[in-house]
């Protein structure tokens, strides 16, 4: 065994019933549990450096709250704040997290989560064992699809519906890569880290679920003896689970939801099974690699704000926000995903009417030997993951969404020119994705020296 040490822990973070569920622009309160939510922590140590990689079954935790949690974990464990990586898996069937919420259930849950995250990190540190690391990539076909489409009228639309005759072609290409990192530990269970990019919005409704990330963890653990599993979500801003042209049994276990999107719990299980199978294909054939150092870097960058610049459009936005906030979406002249797009865009315009002119946000990088795990505090497009891997100089680069923050969508430049839900609702001006890639690659170069 090498000088590398690895520890693992998980803890139940299922909220009380009645709590608000995050993920849509309609109110939802939890009235049941399909599967429990968890926080999962992997501690990695080499020499004087220890890092904590944590996933939380939640739609997203804004950077101020994430920082609050990480500072508390630092206080309790001694691990520096910049060495702590907290990713929300982005499940759309998890609770709101907001420390200043007027809703008592949300505020109490959010404060309690601080203690649970500190506990799971402390347990992972106590579990540190000598380990060796193996890496591999696999593929998972037919479970991830581009969700933005060019329409016959030249517009771009997100989730335009099944078998829509007005669809010309998808805008972009999926990345079906399944990344696998295997830690074999001395006299202890192995720990497997899986990375895949997709929106965990397979289920809908008012019942709590970790969606495919949590289901993958459980299915993999049950399928492979003496293993524990953690799942990281990738650059998923423009991809989801919806096959736009289903046939045969593609829609088994799914039904059309309120916004025209097909969803179903059984489909989330299907994704978990496919991802488990893909990871198992390479589990025994990983390439074992040396780990001579661990680097942890956090860099704060500034990004221009997507403030409204059209007074007429802003006036309409105020009208739509007023209707939406009063529960009268039926008076807004759109339906299904276009209604969601217009409401979200209007909320963005009103929110940013008076600034700020720019935002600051952290980029996080944990490098374990020749493996880089890049944390982006929002939802980057798939192309961001591809660009980060190109000519990186590392054996493996994982780009992870909603890490140490949830600041919105990071579309590519082309998406702003084309339009569509993600670009129209983003807090950031065009060029944000390319800026993130530039800064991320600079971090990797600096670590390489």
Protein backbone atom coordinates (compact mmCIF):
# COMPACT_ATOMS: atom_id res chain seq x y z
CA UNK A 1 0.00 0.00 0.00
CA UNK A 2 1.05 3.60 -0.63
CA UNK A 3 1.09 6.65 1.65
CA UNK A 4 -2.42 7.49 0.44
CA UNK A 5 -5.17 7.04 3.02
CA UNK A 6 -8.90 7.03 2.36
CA UNK A 7 -11.94 7.10 4.67
CA UNK A 8 -15.67 6.87 4.01
CA UNK A 9 -18.89 7.70 5.81
CA UNK A 10 -22.54 8.46 5.08
CA UNK A 11 -25.40 9.82 7.14
CA UNK A 12 -29.16 10.11 6.74
CA UNK A 13 -30.34 13.69 6.06
CA UNK A 14 -33.99 13.01 5.15
CA UNK A 15 -36.08 16.08 6.11
CA UNK A 16 -39.39 16.21 8.02
CA UNK A 17 -42.60 15.98 6.03
CA UNK A 18 -44.21 19.26 5.07
CA UNK A 19 -40.90 20.89 4.15
CA UNK A 20 -40.74 22.77 0.85
CA UNK A 21 -39.19 20.87 -2.08
CA UNK A 22 -36.76 22.71 -4.33
CA UNK A 23 -36.47 22.39 -8.10
CA UNK A 24 -39.49 23.93 -9.83
CA UNK A 25 -41.25 27.26 -10.03
CA UNK A 26 -44.34 25.87 -8.33
CA UNK A 27 -44.69 25.24 -4.57
CA UNK A 28 -44.32 21.66 -3.36
CA UNK A 29 -44.32 20.24 0.16
CA UNK A 30 -42.96 16.80 1.02
CA UNK A 31 -45.69 14.28 1.78
CA UNK A 32 -43.73 11.04 1.61
CA UNK A 33 -40.34 9.38 1.18
CA UNK A 34 -39.43 7.20 -1.80
CA UNK A 35 -35.84 6.76 -0.60
CA UNK A 36 -33.76 8.46 2.05
CA UNK A 37 -31.50 11.42 1.39
CA UNK A 38 -27.87 11.12 2.47
CA UNK A 39 -24.70 13.10 2.90
CA UNK A 40 -21.69 11.03 1.87
CA UNK A 41 -18.08 11.91 2.66
CA UNK A 42 -14.76 10.59 1.37
CA UNK A 43 -11.63 11.71 3.19
CA UNK A 44 -8.32 11.48 1.32
CA UNK A 45 -4.96 12.03 2.96
CA UNK A 46 -1.36 12.09 1.80
CA UNK A 47 1.33 13.41 4.10
CA UNK A 48 0.30 16.75 5.57
CA UNK A 49 -2.65 17.28 3.22
CA UNK A 50 -6.18 16.06 3.85
CA UNK A 51 -9.18 16.74 1.63
CA UNK A 52 -12.86 16.08 2.20
CA UNK A 53 -15.11 15.25 -0.77
CA UNK A 54 -18.76 15.45 0.28
CA UNK A 55 -21.98 14.96 -1.66
CA UNK A 56 -25.35 16.09 -0.35
CA UNK A 57 -28.67 14.90 -1.76
CA UNK A 58 -30.05 18.34 -2.46
CA UNK A 59 -30.91 20.50 -5.48
CA UNK A 60 -28.33 23.12 -4.55
CA UNK A 61 -26.73 25.01 -1.67
CA UNK A 62 -25.78 28.64 -2.39
CA UNK A 63 -22.17 29.63 -1.82
CA UNK A 64 -22.80 31.65 1.36
CA UNK A 65 -24.45 28.66 3.05
CA UNK A 66 -21.86 26.24 1.70
CA UNK A 67 -19.12 28.47 3.10
CA UNK A 68 -20.92 28.55 6.46
CA UNK A 69 -21.03 24.73 6.48
CA UNK A 70 -17.41 24.35 5.41
CA UNK A 71 -16.19 26.78 8.05
CA UNK A 72 -18.04 24.81 10.69
CA UNK A 73 -16.53 21.55 9.40
CA UNK A 74 -13.11 23.21 9.60
CA UNK A 75 -13.80 24.23 13.19
CA UNK A 76 -14.75 20.67 14.14
CA UNK A 77 -12.18 18.70 12.12
CA UNK A 78 -9.23 21.02 11.50
CA UNK A 79 -9.37 20.42 7.74
CA UNK A 80 -8.87 23.79 5.97
CA UNK A 81 -11.93 25.31 4.33
CA UNK A 82 -10.32 25.30 0.87
CA UNK A 83 -9.74 21.54 1.24
CA UNK A 84 -13.46 20.86 1.67
CA UNK A 85 -15.55 20.14 -1.43
CA UNK A 86 -19.32 19.96 -0.94
CA UNK A 87 -21.40 19.04 -3.96
CA UNK A 88 -25.19 19.10 -4.03
CA UNK A 89 -26.19 16.23 -6.31
CA UNK A 90 -28.97 18.45 -7.77
CA UNK A 91 -31.89 16.15 -7.03
CA UNK A 92 -35.18 17.93 -7.73
CA UNK A 93 -36.91 15.96 -4.97
CA UNK A 94 -34.95 17.33 -2.03
CA UNK A 95 -35.73 20.17 0.41
CA UNK A 96 -34.89 23.85 0.28
CA UNK A 97 -31.79 24.84 2.22
CA UNK A 98 -31.84 28.43 3.48
CA UNK A 99 -30.61 29.55 6.87
CA UNK A 100 -32.63 32.78 6.78
CA UNK A 101 -35.88 31.24 5.57
CA UNK A 102 -39.11 32.46 7.17
CA UNK A 103 -40.29 28.86 6.98
CA UNK A 104 -39.40 27.25 10.31
CA UNK A 105 -39.04 23.74 8.83
CA UNK A 106 -36.55 24.96 6.23
CA UNK A 107 -34.49 27.08 8.61
CA UNK A 108 -34.34 24.34 11.28
CA UNK A 109 -33.42 21.68 8.72
CA UNK A 110 -30.74 23.93 7.22
CA UNK A 111 -29.14 24.59 10.60
CA UNK A 112 -29.32 20.93 11.57
CA UNK A 113 -27.60 20.01 8.32
CA UNK A 114 -24.50 21.86 9.53
CA UNK A 115 -24.07 19.38 12.37
CA UNK A 116 -24.75 16.36 10.19
CA UNK A 117 -22.17 17.45 7.62
CA UNK A 118 -19.59 17.94 10.36
CA UNK A 119 -20.41 14.50 11.72
CA UNK A 120 -20.14 12.70 8.39
CA UNK A 121 -16.79 14.38 7.74
CA UNK A 122 -15.48 13.48 11.19
CA UNK A 123 -16.57 9.86 10.69
CA UNK A 124 -14.79 9.71 7.32
CA UNK A 125 -11.60 11.08 8.87
CA UNK A 126 -11.81 8.50 11.67
CA UNK A 127 -12.14 5.81 8.99
CA UNK A 128 -8.89 6.68 7.16
CA UNK A 129 -7.04 3.54 6.01
CA UNK A 130 -4.01 3.00 3.76
CA UNK A 131 -5.21 2.68 0.17
CA UNK A 132 -4.29 2.43 -3.47
CA UNK A 133 -6.16 4.18 -6.27
CA UNK A 134 -7.37 2.78 -9.58
CA UNK A 135 -9.10 4.72 -12.37
CA UNK A 136 -11.11 3.88 -15.48
CA UNK A 137 -13.74 5.26 -17.84
CA UNK A 138 -16.82 3.48 -19.10
CA UNK A 139 -19.91 4.47 -21.11
CA UNK A 140 -23.62 4.62 -20.31
CA UNK A 141 -25.76 4.76 -23.42
CA UNK A 142 -29.39 5.85 -23.87
CA UNK A 143 -29.91 7.44 -20.45
CA UNK A 144 -28.67 10.98 -21.10
CA UNK A 145 -29.98 13.29 -23.81
CA UNK A 146 -29.39 16.85 -24.94
CA UNK A 147 -32.41 18.84 -23.80
CA UNK A 148 -32.00 21.89 -26.08
CA UNK A 149 -33.32 21.70 -29.65
CA UNK A 150 -33.29 23.79 -32.79
CA UNK A 151 -36.87 24.34 -33.94
CA UNK A 152 -38.18 24.83 -37.47
CA UNK A 153 -38.81 28.52 -36.80
CA UNK A 154 -35.10 28.96 -35.95
CA UNK A 155 -35.59 29.27 -32.21
CA UNK A 156 -33.98 27.16 -29.49
CA UNK A 157 -36.25 25.37 -27.04
CA UNK A 158 -35.59 23.29 -23.95
CA UNK A 159 -37.66 20.12 -23.51
CA UNK A 160 -39.99 20.72 -26.50
CA UNK A 161 -41.94 17.51 -25.87
CA UNK A 162 -41.94 13.99 -27.24
CA UNK A 163 -41.91 13.37 -31.00
CA UNK A 164 -42.35 17.08 -31.67
CA UNK A 165 -42.61 17.55 -35.47
CA UNK A 166 -41.19 21.07 -35.18
CA UNK A 167 -37.85 19.84 -33.85
CA UNK A 168 -35.00 20.02 -36.35
CA UNK A 169 -32.09 18.70 -34.30
CA UNK A 170 -30.52 18.71 -30.82
CA UNK A 171 -28.16 21.58 -30.07
CA UNK A 172 -25.01 19.93 -28.77
CA UNK A 173 -23.72 16.45 -28.08
CA UNK A 174 -24.09 14.30 -25.01
CA UNK A 175 -21.16 13.02 -23.00
CA UNK A 176 -21.98 9.50 -21.86
CA UNK A 177 -18.66 8.96 -20.07
CA UNK A 178 -18.86 7.25 -16.69
CA UNK A 179 -15.78 8.00 -14.62
CA UNK A 180 -14.74 5.45 -11.99
CA UNK A 181 -12.21 5.83 -9.19
CA UNK A 182 -11.62 2.77 -7.02
CA UNK A 183 -9.85 2.95 -3.68
CA UNK A 184 -8.77 -0.44 -2.33
CA UNK A 185 -8.20 -0.01 1.39
CA UNK A 186 -6.13 -2.10 3.77
CA UNK A 187 -8.37 -4.39 5.87
CA UNK A 188 -11.46 -2.36 4.98
CA UNK A 189 -14.16 -2.04 2.37
CA UNK A 190 -13.24 -0.56 -0.99
CA UNK A 191 -14.58 2.90 -1.86
CA UNK A 192 -15.83 3.60 -5.37
CA UNK A 193 -16.39 7.09 -6.73
CA UNK A 194 -18.60 7.39 -9.84
CA UNK A 195 -18.92 10.49 -12.03
CA UNK A 196 -21.68 11.07 -14.59
CA UNK A 197 -23.48 14.11 -15.99
CA UNK A 198 -27.27 14.23 -16.02
CA UNK A 199 -30.12 16.20 -14.46
CA UNK A 200 -31.57 14.35 -11.44
CA UNK A 201 -35.10 15.39 -12.35
CA UNK A 202 -36.48 11.95 -13.19
CA UNK A 203 -39.24 11.80 -10.58
CA UNK A 204 -41.18 14.98 -9.86
CA UNK A 205 -44.07 15.06 -7.42
CA UNK A 206 -44.05 15.71 -3.69
CA UNK A 207 -42.12 12.76 -2.36
CA UNK A 208 -38.52 12.90 -1.17
CA UNK A 209 -35.92 11.03 -3.24
CA UNK A 210 -32.21 11.20 -3.97
CA UNK A 211 -33.05 10.39 -7.61
CA UNK A 212 -30.48 8.54 -9.74
CA UNK A 213 -27.34 9.63 -7.77
CA UNK A 214 -28.63 8.11 -4.54
CA UNK A 215 -30.14 5.08 -6.27
CA UNK A 216 -26.84 4.42 -8.06
CA UNK A 217 -25.01 4.47 -4.72
CA UNK A 218 -27.35 1.88 -3.24
CA UNK A 219 -27.58 -0.34 -6.30
CA UNK A 220 -23.80 -0.43 -6.74
CA UNK A 221 -23.20 -1.23 -3.06
CA UNK A 222 -25.69 -4.10 -3.26
CA UNK A 223 -24.19 -5.39 -6.51
CA UNK A 224 -20.51 -5.42 -5.51
CA UNK A 225 -19.46 -7.03 -2.25
CA UNK A 226 -17.38 -5.11 0.28
CA UNK A 227 -17.72 -1.73 -1.40
CA UNK A 228 -19.05 1.68 -0.51
CA UNK A 229 -20.05 4.18 -3.18
CA UNK A 230 -20.26 7.94 -3.71
CA UNK A 231 -21.63 9.57 -6.88
CA UNK A 232 -20.65 12.97 -8.30
CA UNK A 233 -22.82 14.74 -10.84
CA UNK A 234 -21.01 16.29 -13.79
CA UNK A 235 -21.52 19.15 -16.26
CA UNK A 236 -25.26 18.63 -16.70
CA UNK A 237 -26.71 22.05 -17.48
CA UNK A 238 -27.97 21.09 -20.94
CA UNK A 239 -28.71 17.37 -20.55
CA UNK A 240 -31.42 15.30 -18.90
CA UNK A 241 -33.14 11.90 -18.94
CA UNK A 242 -35.71 12.59 -21.69
CA UNK A 243 -35.50 10.58 -24.90
CA UNK A 244 -37.20 12.94 -27.40
CA UNK A 245 -38.16 10.11 -29.76
CA UNK A 246 -39.09 7.14 -27.56
CA UNK A 247 -40.01 3.76 -28.99
CA UNK A 248 -40.74 0.24 -27.80
CA UNK A 249 -40.47 0.25 -23.98
CA UNK A 250 -38.63 3.56 -23.59
CA UNK A 251 -41.51 5.13 -21.64
CA UNK A 252 -42.01 2.24 -19.23
CA UNK A 253 -42.40 3.58 -15.70
CA UNK A 254 -42.92 7.18 -16.87
CA UNK A 255 -45.81 9.57 -17.40
CA UNK A 256 -46.22 13.15 -18.61
CA UNK A 257 -45.87 15.61 -15.72
CA UNK A 258 -47.39 19.08 -15.19
CA UNK A 259 -44.77 20.81 -17.40
CA UNK A 260 -44.96 18.38 -20.31
CA UNK A 261 -41.87 16.46 -19.13
CA UNK A 262 -42.03 12.65 -18.76
CA UNK A 263 -40.93 11.44 -15.33
CA UNK A 264 -41.18 8.38 -13.12
CA UNK A 265 -39.47 6.82 -10.10
CA UNK A 266 -38.94 3.55 -11.94
CA UNK A 267 -36.99 5.46 -14.57
CA UNK A 268 -34.65 6.85 -11.90
CA UNK A 269 -34.05 3.26 -10.77
CA UNK A 270 -33.33 2.37 -14.39
CA UNK A 271 -30.62 5.06 -14.55
CA UNK A 272 -29.10 3.74 -11.34
CA UNK A 273 -28.99 0.21 -12.75
CA UNK A 274 -27.44 1.33 -16.06
CA UNK A 275 -24.79 3.40 -14.29
CA UNK A 276 -24.01 0.58 -11.90
CA UNK A 277 -23.62 -1.80 -14.83
CA UNK A 278 -21.37 0.65 -16.67
CA UNK A 279 -19.15 1.12 -13.63
CA UNK A 280 -19.02 -2.63 -12.99
CA UNK A 281 -17.74 -3.18 -16.53
CA UNK A 282 -14.45 -1.52 -15.58
CA UNK A 283 -14.40 -2.07 -11.81
CA UNK A 284 -12.06 -5.08 -11.97
CA UNK A 285 -9.94 -3.58 -14.76
CA UNK A 286 -9.02 -0.19 -13.35
CA UNK A 287 -5.55 1.20 -13.94
CA UNK A 288 -3.81 1.52 -10.59
CA UNK A 289 -1.88 4.79 -10.43
CA UNK A 290 0.57 6.28 -7.97
CA UNK A 291 -0.50 9.12 -5.72
CA UNK A 292 2.47 11.20 -4.62
CA UNK A 293 0.63 14.34 -3.59
CA UNK A 294 -2.76 15.90 -2.94
CA UNK A 295 -3.42 19.52 -3.91
CA UNK A 296 -6.41 21.60 -2.80
CA UNK A 297 -7.03 24.98 -4.42
CA UNK A 298 -9.90 27.43 -4.24
CA UNK A 299 -9.91 30.48 -6.50
CA UNK A 300 -12.49 33.27 -6.36
CA UNK A 301 -13.36 34.76 -9.75
CA UNK A 302 -15.59 37.64 -10.89
CA UNK A 303 -18.28 37.28 -13.56
CA UNK A 304 -20.37 39.96 -15.27
CA UNK A 305 -24.05 40.06 -14.30
CA UNK A 306 -26.80 39.45 -16.85
CA UNK A 307 -28.68 42.63 -15.96
CA UNK A 308 -31.72 43.53 -18.08
CA UNK A 309 -31.10 46.21 -20.73
CA UNK A 310 -34.53 46.51 -22.39
CA UNK A 311 -37.08 48.66 -20.55
CA UNK A 312 -40.08 47.25 -22.40
CA UNK A 313 -39.07 43.65 -21.69
CA UNK A 314 -38.42 44.57 -18.05
CA UNK A 315 -41.91 46.05 -17.77
CA UNK A 316 -43.43 42.80 -19.07
CA UNK A 317 -41.18 40.83 -16.71
CA UNK A 318 -42.60 42.72 -13.72
CA UNK A 319 -46.12 41.88 -14.89
CA UNK A 320 -45.29 38.18 -15.26
CA UNK A 321 -43.57 38.05 -11.86
CA UNK A 322 -46.60 39.65 -10.22
CA UNK A 323 -48.89 37.10 -11.85
CA UNK A 324 -46.59 34.22 -10.92
CA UNK A 325 -46.23 35.29 -7.30
CA UNK A 326 -50.00 35.56 -6.97
CA UNK A 327 -50.52 32.05 -8.34
CA UNK A 328 -51.94 33.18 -11.69
CA UNK A 329 -49.57 31.50 -14.14
CA UNK A 330 -52.64 30.65 -16.23
CA UNK A 331 -52.78 34.32 -17.28
CA UNK A 332 -49.25 34.20 -18.70
CA UNK A 333 -49.63 33.35 -22.43
CA UNK A 334 -47.32 30.31 -22.48
CA UNK A 335 -47.54 26.70 -21.40
CA UNK A 336 -45.35 23.73 -20.40
CA UNK A 337 -41.60 24.37 -20.63
CA UNK A 338 -42.06 27.73 -22.38
CA UNK A 339 -44.05 28.92 -19.37
CA UNK A 340 -41.22 27.79 -17.08
CA UNK A 341 -38.73 29.62 -19.33
CA UNK A 342 -40.67 32.89 -19.37
CA UNK A 343 -41.31 32.84 -15.61
CA UNK A 344 -37.68 32.07 -14.79
CA UNK A 345 -36.42 34.72 -17.22
CA UNK A 346 -38.78 37.32 -15.73
CA UNK A 347 -37.63 36.47 -12.21
CA UNK A 348 -34.01 36.87 -13.33
CA UNK A 349 -34.67 40.28 -14.92
CA UNK A 350 -36.51 41.62 -11.89
CA UNK A 351 -33.94 40.17 -9.50
CA UNK A 352 -31.06 41.84 -11.35
CA UNK A 353 -32.85 45.07 -12.26
CA UNK A 354 -30.64 47.11 -9.94
CA UNK A 355 -27.54 44.93 -10.07
CA UNK A 356 -25.13 43.82 -8.93
CA UNK A 357 -22.97 44.46 -12.00
CA UNK A 358 -20.83 41.42 -11.23
CA UNK A 359 -20.72 38.33 -9.07
CA UNK A 360 -17.86 36.65 -7.28
CA UNK A 361 -17.80 32.89 -6.86
CA UNK A 362 -15.34 30.15 -5.89
CA UNK A 363 -13.87 27.54 -8.19
CA UNK A 364 -12.63 24.47 -6.28
CA UNK A 365 -9.99 21.96 -7.33
CA UNK A 366 -8.96 18.78 -5.54
CA UNK A 367 -6.11 16.95 -7.27
CA UNK A 368 -5.25 13.42 -6.15
CA UNK A 369 -2.12 12.36 -7.98
CA UNK A 370 -3.06 12.63 -11.68
CA UNK A 371 -6.80 12.93 -11.04
CA UNK A 372 -8.38 16.39 -10.87
CA UNK A 373 -11.86 17.01 -9.42
CA UNK A 374 -13.08 20.46 -10.48
CA UNK A 375 -15.93 22.02 -8.53
CA UNK A 376 -18.15 24.57 -10.29
CA UNK A 377 -20.76 26.41 -8.15
CA UNK A 378 -23.68 26.06 -10.56
CA UNK A 379 -24.80 24.21 -13.65
CA UNK A 380 -22.24 24.15 -16.49
CA UNK A 381 -23.07 22.87 -19.96
CA UNK A 382 -21.68 19.51 -21.07
CA UNK A 383 -19.11 21.24 -23.26
CA UNK A 384 -17.44 22.63 -20.15
CA UNK A 385 -16.57 19.09 -19.06
CA UNK A 386 -15.14 18.29 -22.49
CA UNK A 387 -13.08 21.47 -22.64
CA UNK A 388 -11.66 20.87 -19.17
CA UNK A 389 -10.43 17.43 -20.20
CA UNK A 390 -8.82 18.56 -23.45
CA UNK A 391 -5.03 18.90 -23.21
CA UNK A 392 -5.30 18.99 -19.42
CA UNK A 393 -2.12 17.02 -18.79
CA UNK A 394 -4.00 14.85 -16.27
CA UNK A 395 -5.14 11.26 -16.55
CA UNK A 396 -8.65 12.16 -15.45
CA UNK A 397 -10.55 15.44 -14.96
CA UNK A 398 -14.02 15.48 -13.45
CA UNK A 399 -16.07 18.67 -13.72
CA UNK A 400 -18.76 18.71 -11.02
CA UNK A 401 -21.86 20.90 -10.87
CA UNK A 402 -23.21 22.74 -7.80
CA UNK A 403 -19.95 22.38 -5.87
CA UNK A 404 -19.47 24.84 -2.99
CA UNK A 405 -22.33 26.93 -4.39
CA UNK A 406 -25.42 27.08 -6.57
CA UNK A 407 -25.27 30.24 -8.63
CA UNK A 408 -27.29 29.31 -11.72
CA UNK A 409 -26.59 28.16 -15.27
CA UNK A 410 -23.26 28.51 -17.06
CA UNK A 411 -24.17 28.19 -20.77
CA UNK A 412 -21.62 28.28 -23.58
CA UNK A 413 -21.30 31.36 -25.80
CA UNK A 414 -23.32 29.76 -28.60
CA UNK A 415 -26.26 29.19 -26.28
CA UNK A 416 -26.61 32.92 -25.62
CA UNK A 417 -26.79 33.56 -29.36
CA UNK A 418 -29.34 30.76 -29.82
CA UNK A 419 -31.54 31.49 -26.80
CA UNK A 420 -33.42 28.90 -24.77
CA UNK A 421 -34.23 28.41 -21.10
CA UNK A 422 -30.72 28.18 -19.69
CA UNK A 423 -29.25 31.29 -21.37
CA UNK A 424 -32.38 33.39 -20.89
CA UNK A 425 -32.45 32.65 -17.16
CA UNK A 426 -28.73 32.70 -16.36
CA UNK A 427 -27.45 35.26 -13.86
CA UNK A 428 -24.32 35.69 -15.98
CA UNK A 429 -23.51 37.35 -19.27
CA UNK A 430 -22.29 35.45 -22.32
CA UNK A 431 -18.76 34.10 -22.00
CA UNK A 432 -19.26 32.67 -18.49
CA UNK A 433 -18.61 29.03 -19.44
CA UNK A 434 -15.47 29.88 -21.38
CA UNK A 435 -14.21 32.01 -18.47
CA UNK A 436 -14.73 29.13 -16.04
CA UNK A 437 -12.80 26.76 -18.31
CA UNK A 438 -9.97 29.27 -18.70
CA UNK A 439 -9.67 29.77 -14.95
CA UNK A 440 -9.97 26.03 -14.26
CA UNK A 441 -7.22 25.18 -16.72
CA UNK A 442 -5.03 27.89 -15.21
CA UNK A 443 -5.42 26.24 -11.81
CA UNK A 444 -4.38 22.87 -13.26
CA UNK A 445 -1.33 24.45 -14.93
CA UNK A 446 -0.30 26.16 -11.72
CA UNK A 447 -0.53 22.87 -9.82
CA UNK A 448 1.59 21.16 -12.48
CA UNK A 449 4.14 23.94 -12.11
